[in-house]
Amino acid sequence: KLQDHHNDLTGEPIAIARQATRAAKQLLDPVEFRTSMKTHDRANEAKHSWPSSSSCSPPPSCGDLGDRDHDSPKNKELGFNADAPVFVPAPTPDSWTALTDTQNATIALLTWRLDLLL
């Protein structure tokens, strides 16, 4: 619902909830923006923090990436900023071509090896 609300505000169909909130930032008051970001943090925590008694293990961690609280001293020390713009790399035709060629070669190799198993 939060994502739908922010998509309605911006008029954009943004597929990732946190990005929808960032896109709507200028249309939200600062308290609503912070509350929304903290809601996304809690959702992330629920999706990605696994209890130690679980029968399966969580995915590998990327290490200590700071506190969940956007305003914590640790996050400020690490340079994390909830208000930072979303990083979007500028693709170049050469970089996409190289990536696509590598992916296609990998898929061809995997397909060939799977065919050998049949």
N, C-alpha and C. Protein backbone atom coordinates (compact mmCIF):
# COMPACT_ATOMS: atom_id res chain seq x y z
N LYS A 1 0.82 -1.20 0.00
CA LYS A 1 0.00 0.00 0.00
C LYS A 1 0.86 1.26 0.00
N LEU A 2 1.96 1.24 0.75
CA LEU A 2 2.84 2.41 0.79
C LEU A 2 3.42 2.68 -0.59
N GLN A 3 3.86 1.63 -1.25
CA GLN A 3 4.42 1.76 -2.59
C GLN A 3 3.36 2.28 -3.56
N ASP A 4 2.15 1.74 -3.49
CA ASP A 4 1.06 2.20 -4.35
C ASP A 4 0.77 3.68 -4.13
N HIS A 5 0.77 4.09 -2.87
CA HIS A 5 0.52 5.50 -2.53
C HIS A 5 1.59 6.39 -3.16
N HIS A 6 2.84 5.99 -3.05
CA HIS A 6 3.93 6.80 -3.60
C HIS A 6 3.91 6.78 -5.13
N ASN A 7 3.57 5.64 -5.71
CA ASN A 7 3.43 5.58 -7.17
C ASN A 7 2.28 6.47 -7.64
N ASP A 8 1.19 6.50 -6.88
CA ASP A 8 0.07 7.38 -7.23
C ASP A 8 0.49 8.85 -7.17
N LEU A 9 1.28 9.19 -6.15
CA LEU A 9 1.74 10.58 -6.01
C LEU A 9 2.60 11.02 -7.20
N THR A 10 3.50 10.14 -7.61
CA THR A 10 4.43 10.51 -8.69
C THR A 10 3.86 10.23 -10.07
N GLY A 11 2.85 9.36 -10.14
CA GLY A 11 2.31 8.98 -11.43
C GLY A 11 3.21 8.03 -12.20
N GLU A 12 4.17 7.42 -11.49
CA GLU A 12 5.11 6.49 -12.11
C GLU A 12 4.91 5.09 -11.54
N PRO A 13 4.98 4.05 -12.38
CA PRO A 13 4.84 2.68 -11.89
C PRO A 13 6.20 2.11 -11.46
N ILE A 14 6.71 2.56 -10.33
CA ILE A 14 8.03 2.13 -9.86
C ILE A 14 7.88 0.79 -9.14
N ALA A 15 8.67 -0.19 -9.58
CA ALA A 15 8.51 -1.57 -9.11
C ALA A 15 9.14 -1.84 -7.76
N ILE A 16 10.06 -1.01 -7.30
CA ILE A 16 10.74 -1.24 -6.02
C ILE A 16 10.24 -0.20 -5.02
N ALA A 17 9.72 -0.70 -3.90
CA ALA A 17 9.04 0.17 -2.93
C ALA A 17 9.92 1.31 -2.44
N ARG A 18 11.15 1.01 -2.08
CA ARG A 18 12.05 2.05 -1.56
C ARG A 18 12.32 3.12 -2.63
N GLN A 19 12.46 2.70 -3.88
CA GLN A 19 12.68 3.67 -4.95
C GLN A 19 11.44 4.52 -5.21
N ALA A 20 10.26 3.91 -5.03
CA ALA A 20 9.02 4.67 -5.16
C ALA A 20 8.96 5.77 -4.10
N THR A 21 9.40 5.45 -2.88
CA THR A 21 9.42 6.44 -1.82
C THR A 21 10.41 7.55 -2.15
N ARG A 22 11.60 7.17 -2.62
CA ARG A 22 12.59 8.20 -2.98
C ARG A 22 12.08 9.10 -4.11
N ALA A 23 11.37 8.51 -5.08
CA ALA A 23 10.84 9.30 -6.18
C ALA A 23 9.78 10.29 -5.70
N ALA A 24 9.06 9.93 -4.64
CA ALA A 24 7.99 10.77 -4.10
C ALA A 24 8.48 11.74 -3.04
N LYS A 25 9.77 11.73 -2.74
CA LYS A 25 10.31 12.52 -1.63
C LYS A 25 9.90 13.99 -1.67
N GLN A 26 9.97 14.60 -2.84
CA GLN A 26 9.64 16.02 -2.94
C GLN A 26 8.16 16.29 -2.70
N LEU A 27 7.34 15.26 -2.79
CA LEU A 27 5.90 15.41 -2.59
C LEU A 27 5.46 15.03 -1.17
N LEU A 28 6.41 14.56 -0.36
CA LEU A 28 6.13 14.14 1.01
C LEU A 28 6.72 15.14 1.99
N ASP A 29 6.09 15.28 3.15
CA ASP A 29 6.76 16.10 4.17
C ASP A 29 7.89 15.28 4.75
N PRO A 30 8.90 15.93 5.33
CA PRO A 30 10.09 15.20 5.81
C PRO A 30 9.79 14.07 6.79
N VAL A 31 8.82 14.27 7.66
CA VAL A 31 8.48 13.23 8.64
C VAL A 31 7.89 12.01 7.92
N GLU A 32 7.01 12.25 6.96
CA GLU A 32 6.41 11.13 6.22
C GLU A 32 7.47 10.38 5.42
N PHE A 33 8.42 11.12 4.83
CA PHE A 33 9.49 10.47 4.08
C PHE A 33 10.32 9.58 5.00
N ARG A 34 10.76 10.10 6.14
CA ARG A 34 11.57 9.32 7.09
C ARG A 34 10.80 8.10 7.61
N THR A 35 9.53 8.30 7.92
CA THR A 35 8.70 7.20 8.41
C THR A 35 8.58 6.12 7.34
N SER A 36 8.41 6.52 6.10
CA SER A 36 8.32 5.56 5.00
C SER A 36 9.62 4.79 4.84
N MET A 37 10.75 5.50 4.91
CA MET A 37 12.04 4.83 4.78
C MET A 37 12.26 3.83 5.92
N LYS A 38 11.84 4.20 7.11
CA LYS A 38 11.98 3.28 8.25
C LYS A 38 11.05 2.08 8.10
N THR A 39 9.89 2.29 7.48
CA THR A 39 8.98 1.17 7.20
C THR A 39 9.65 0.20 6.23
N HIS A 40 10.33 0.74 5.22
CA HIS A 40 11.06 -0.12 4.29
C HIS A 40 12.18 -0.88 5.02
N ASP A 41 12.85 -0.20 5.94
CA ASP A 41 13.90 -0.87 6.73
C ASP A 41 13.33 -2.05 7.51
N ARG A 42 12.17 -1.83 8.15
CA ARG A 42 11.55 -2.90 8.94
C ARG A 42 11.13 -4.06 8.03
N ALA A 43 10.61 -3.74 6.85
CA ALA A 43 10.23 -4.80 5.91
C ALA A 43 11.46 -5.58 5.46
N ASN A 44 12.54 -4.87 5.19
CA ASN A 44 13.79 -5.51 4.80
C ASN A 44 14.29 -6.43 5.91
N GLU A 45 14.22 -5.95 7.12
CA GLU A 45 14.66 -6.73 8.28
C GLU A 45 13.83 -8.01 8.38
N ALA A 46 12.52 -7.89 8.19
CA ALA A 46 11.65 -9.05 8.27
C ALA A 46 11.95 -10.06 7.16
N LYS A 47 12.30 -9.56 5.98
CA LYS A 47 12.56 -10.45 4.85
C LYS A 47 13.95 -11.09 4.91
N HIS A 48 14.92 -10.38 5.48
CA HIS A 48 16.30 -10.83 5.35
C HIS A 48 16.99 -11.23 6.64
N SER A 49 16.36 -11.03 7.79
CA SER A 49 16.96 -11.45 9.06
C SER A 49 16.31 -12.76 9.48
N TRP A 50 17.11 -13.80 9.51
CA TRP A 50 16.60 -15.13 9.79
C TRP A 50 16.94 -15.50 11.23
N PRO A 51 16.00 -16.13 11.93
CA PRO A 51 16.29 -16.54 13.31
C PRO A 51 17.37 -17.62 13.32
N SER A 52 18.17 -17.62 14.37
CA SER A 52 19.28 -18.58 14.46
C SER A 52 18.77 -20.01 14.62
N SER A 53 17.53 -20.19 15.05
CA SER A 53 16.99 -21.54 15.22
C SER A 53 16.40 -22.10 13.93
N SER A 54 16.52 -21.35 12.85
CA SER A 54 15.95 -21.79 11.57
C SER A 54 16.64 -23.06 11.09
N SER A 55 15.91 -23.91 10.39
CA SER A 55 16.49 -25.15 9.89
C SER A 55 17.36 -24.92 8.66
N CYS A 56 17.22 -23.77 8.04
CA CYS A 56 18.11 -23.45 6.92
C CYS A 56 18.86 -22.17 7.24
N SER A 57 19.94 -21.95 6.57
CA SER A 57 20.76 -20.79 6.90
C SER A 57 20.45 -19.64 5.96
N PRO A 58 20.67 -18.42 6.43
CA PRO A 58 20.41 -17.25 5.61
C PRO A 58 21.46 -17.12 4.51
N PRO A 59 21.18 -16.30 3.53
CA PRO A 59 22.18 -16.07 2.49
C PRO A 59 23.41 -15.43 3.09
N PRO A 60 24.57 -15.52 2.43
CA PRO A 60 25.77 -14.93 2.99
C PRO A 60 25.63 -13.42 3.16
N SER A 61 26.27 -12.91 4.18
CA SER A 61 26.20 -11.49 4.49
C SER A 61 27.26 -10.71 3.74
N CYS A 62 26.95 -9.48 3.47
CA CYS A 62 27.93 -8.60 2.83
C CYS A 62 28.77 -7.90 3.88
N GLY A 63 28.63 -8.30 5.12
CA GLY A 63 29.39 -7.66 6.18
C GLY A 63 28.53 -6.64 6.90
N ASP A 64 29.14 -5.90 7.76
CA ASP A 64 28.43 -4.91 8.56
C ASP A 64 28.26 -3.65 7.73
N LEU A 65 27.05 -3.47 7.24
CA LEU A 65 26.77 -2.31 6.38
C LEU A 65 26.08 -1.19 7.13
N GLY A 66 26.26 -1.14 8.42
CA GLY A 66 25.70 -0.04 9.19
C GLY A 66 24.42 -0.42 9.90
N ASP A 67 23.91 0.54 10.67
CA ASP A 67 22.70 0.34 11.45
C ASP A 67 21.47 0.53 10.57
N ARG A 68 20.33 -0.01 11.03
CA ARG A 68 19.07 0.15 10.30
C ARG A 68 18.52 1.56 10.47
N ASP A 69 18.91 2.24 11.53
CA ASP A 69 18.42 3.59 11.80
C ASP A 69 19.17 4.58 10.92
N HIS A 70 18.46 5.26 10.02
CA HIS A 70 19.09 6.18 9.09
C HIS A 70 19.89 7.29 9.80
N ASP A 71 19.43 7.66 11.00
CA ASP A 71 20.05 8.78 11.69
C ASP A 71 21.11 8.36 12.69
N SER A 72 21.47 7.09 12.73
CA SER A 72 22.41 6.63 13.74
C SER A 72 23.80 7.22 13.50
N PRO A 73 24.56 7.43 14.58
CA PRO A 73 25.93 7.94 14.43
C PRO A 73 26.79 7.02 13.56
N LYS A 74 26.58 5.70 13.67
CA LYS A 74 27.38 4.76 12.88
C LYS A 74 27.15 4.99 11.38
N ASN A 75 25.89 5.16 10.98
CA ASN A 75 25.60 5.39 9.56
C ASN A 75 26.18 6.72 9.10
N LYS A 76 26.12 7.74 9.94
CA LYS A 76 26.70 9.03 9.57
C LYS A 76 28.22 8.90 9.42
N GLU A 77 28.83 8.11 10.32
CA GLU A 77 30.28 7.89 10.26
C GLU A 77 30.67 7.14 8.98
N LEU A 78 29.83 6.16 8.58
CA LEU A 78 30.10 5.40 7.37
C LEU A 78 29.75 6.17 6.10
N GLY A 79 29.08 7.31 6.27
CA GLY A 79 28.72 8.12 5.11
C GLY A 79 27.40 7.73 4.48
N PHE A 80 26.60 6.90 5.16
CA PHE A 80 25.29 6.54 4.63
C PHE A 80 24.34 7.71 4.82
N ASN A 81 23.51 7.94 3.84
CA ASN A 81 22.60 9.07 3.89
C ASN A 81 21.28 8.65 3.25
N ALA A 82 20.22 8.64 4.03
CA ALA A 82 18.91 8.24 3.52
C ALA A 82 18.42 9.20 2.44
N ASP A 83 18.94 10.42 2.44
CA ASP A 83 18.50 11.42 1.47
C ASP A 83 19.35 11.42 0.20
N ALA A 84 20.32 10.53 0.13
CA ALA A 84 21.19 10.49 -1.04
C ALA A 84 20.41 10.08 -2.28
N PRO A 85 20.79 10.62 -3.43
CA PRO A 85 20.10 10.19 -4.66
C PRO A 85 20.42 8.75 -4.97
N VAL A 86 19.52 8.10 -5.67
CA VAL A 86 19.71 6.71 -6.06
C VAL A 86 20.81 6.67 -7.13
N PHE A 87 21.78 5.77 -6.94
CA PHE A 87 22.86 5.63 -7.91
C PHE A 87 22.36 4.88 -9.14
N VAL A 88 22.53 5.48 -10.28
CA VAL A 88 22.17 4.83 -11.54
C VAL A 88 23.38 4.98 -12.46
N PRO A 89 24.09 3.89 -12.73
CA PRO A 89 25.26 4.00 -13.60
C PRO A 89 24.83 4.35 -15.02
N ALA A 90 25.64 5.14 -15.66
CA ALA A 90 25.36 5.50 -17.05
C ALA A 90 25.94 4.42 -17.95
N PRO A 91 25.08 3.60 -18.55
CA PRO A 91 25.62 2.53 -19.40
C PRO A 91 26.20 3.09 -20.70
N THR A 92 27.20 2.42 -21.16
CA THR A 92 27.77 2.76 -22.47
C THR A 92 27.48 1.60 -23.39
N PRO A 93 27.34 1.85 -24.67
CA PRO A 93 27.05 0.72 -25.58
C PRO A 93 28.08 -0.39 -25.48
N ASP A 94 29.35 -0.04 -25.30
CA ASP A 94 30.39 -1.06 -25.21
C ASP A 94 30.23 -1.93 -23.98
N SER A 95 29.88 -1.32 -22.83
CA SER A 95 29.76 -2.12 -21.60
C SER A 95 28.58 -3.08 -21.69
N TRP A 96 27.47 -2.66 -22.29
CA TRP A 96 26.32 -3.54 -22.43
C TRP A 96 26.62 -4.67 -23.41
N THR A 97 27.32 -4.36 -24.48
CA THR A 97 27.66 -5.38 -25.47
C THR A 97 28.54 -6.45 -24.84
N ALA A 98 29.54 -6.03 -24.10
CA ALA A 98 30.45 -6.99 -23.45
C ALA A 98 29.68 -7.85 -22.46
N LEU A 99 28.81 -7.24 -21.69
CA LEU A 99 28.02 -7.99 -20.71
C LEU A 99 27.11 -9.00 -21.42
N THR A 100 26.42 -8.55 -22.44
CA THR A 100 25.52 -9.44 -23.18
C THR A 100 26.28 -10.59 -23.82
N ASP A 101 27.43 -10.29 -24.41
CA ASP A 101 28.24 -11.35 -25.04
C ASP A 101 28.69 -12.38 -24.00
N THR A 102 29.11 -11.92 -22.84
CA THR A 102 29.54 -12.83 -21.78
C THR A 102 28.38 -13.68 -21.28
N GLN A 103 27.23 -13.05 -21.08
CA GLN A 103 26.06 -13.80 -20.63
C GLN A 103 25.64 -14.85 -21.66
N ASN A 104 25.64 -14.48 -22.93
CA ASN A 104 25.25 -15.41 -23.98
C ASN A 104 26.23 -16.59 -24.07
N ALA A 105 27.51 -16.31 -23.92
CA ALA A 105 28.51 -17.38 -23.96
C ALA A 105 28.32 -18.33 -22.78
N THR A 106 28.01 -17.78 -21.61
CA THR A 106 27.79 -18.60 -20.41
C THR A 106 26.54 -19.47 -20.58
N ILE A 107 25.48 -18.89 -21.10
CA ILE A 107 24.25 -19.65 -21.32
C ILE A 107 24.49 -20.77 -22.33
N ALA A 108 25.22 -20.47 -23.40
CA ALA A 108 25.52 -21.50 -24.41
C ALA A 108 26.31 -22.64 -23.79
N LEU A 109 27.31 -22.32 -22.97
CA LEU A 109 28.12 -23.35 -22.33
C LEU A 109 27.27 -24.21 -21.39
N LEU A 110 26.44 -23.56 -20.57
CA LEU A 110 25.59 -24.31 -19.64
C LEU A 110 24.58 -25.18 -20.39
N THR A 111 24.02 -24.67 -21.46
CA THR A 111 23.08 -25.45 -22.26
C THR A 111 23.76 -26.68 -22.85
N TRP A 112 24.96 -26.49 -23.39
CA TRP A 112 25.73 -27.60 -23.95
C TRP A 112 26.00 -28.66 -22.89
N ARG A 113 26.39 -28.22 -21.68
CA ARG A 113 26.71 -29.19 -20.62
C ARG A 113 25.44 -29.91 -20.15
N LEU A 114 24.31 -29.21 -20.10
CA LEU A 114 23.06 -29.86 -19.74
C LEU A 114 22.65 -30.89 -20.78
N ASP A 115 22.89 -30.56 -22.06
CA ASP A 115 22.57 -31.52 -23.13
C ASP A 115 23.41 -32.79 -23.00
N LEU A 116 24.64 -32.66 -22.52
CA LEU A 116 25.48 -33.84 -22.34
C LEU A 116 24.92 -34.79 -21.28
N LEU A 117 24.18 -34.25 -20.34
CA LEU A 117 23.60 -35.06 -19.26
C LEU A 117 22.41 -35.88 -19.72
N LEU A 118 21.80 -35.50 -20.82
CA LEU A 118 20.60 -36.19 -21.30
C LEU A 118 20.89 -37.46 -22.02
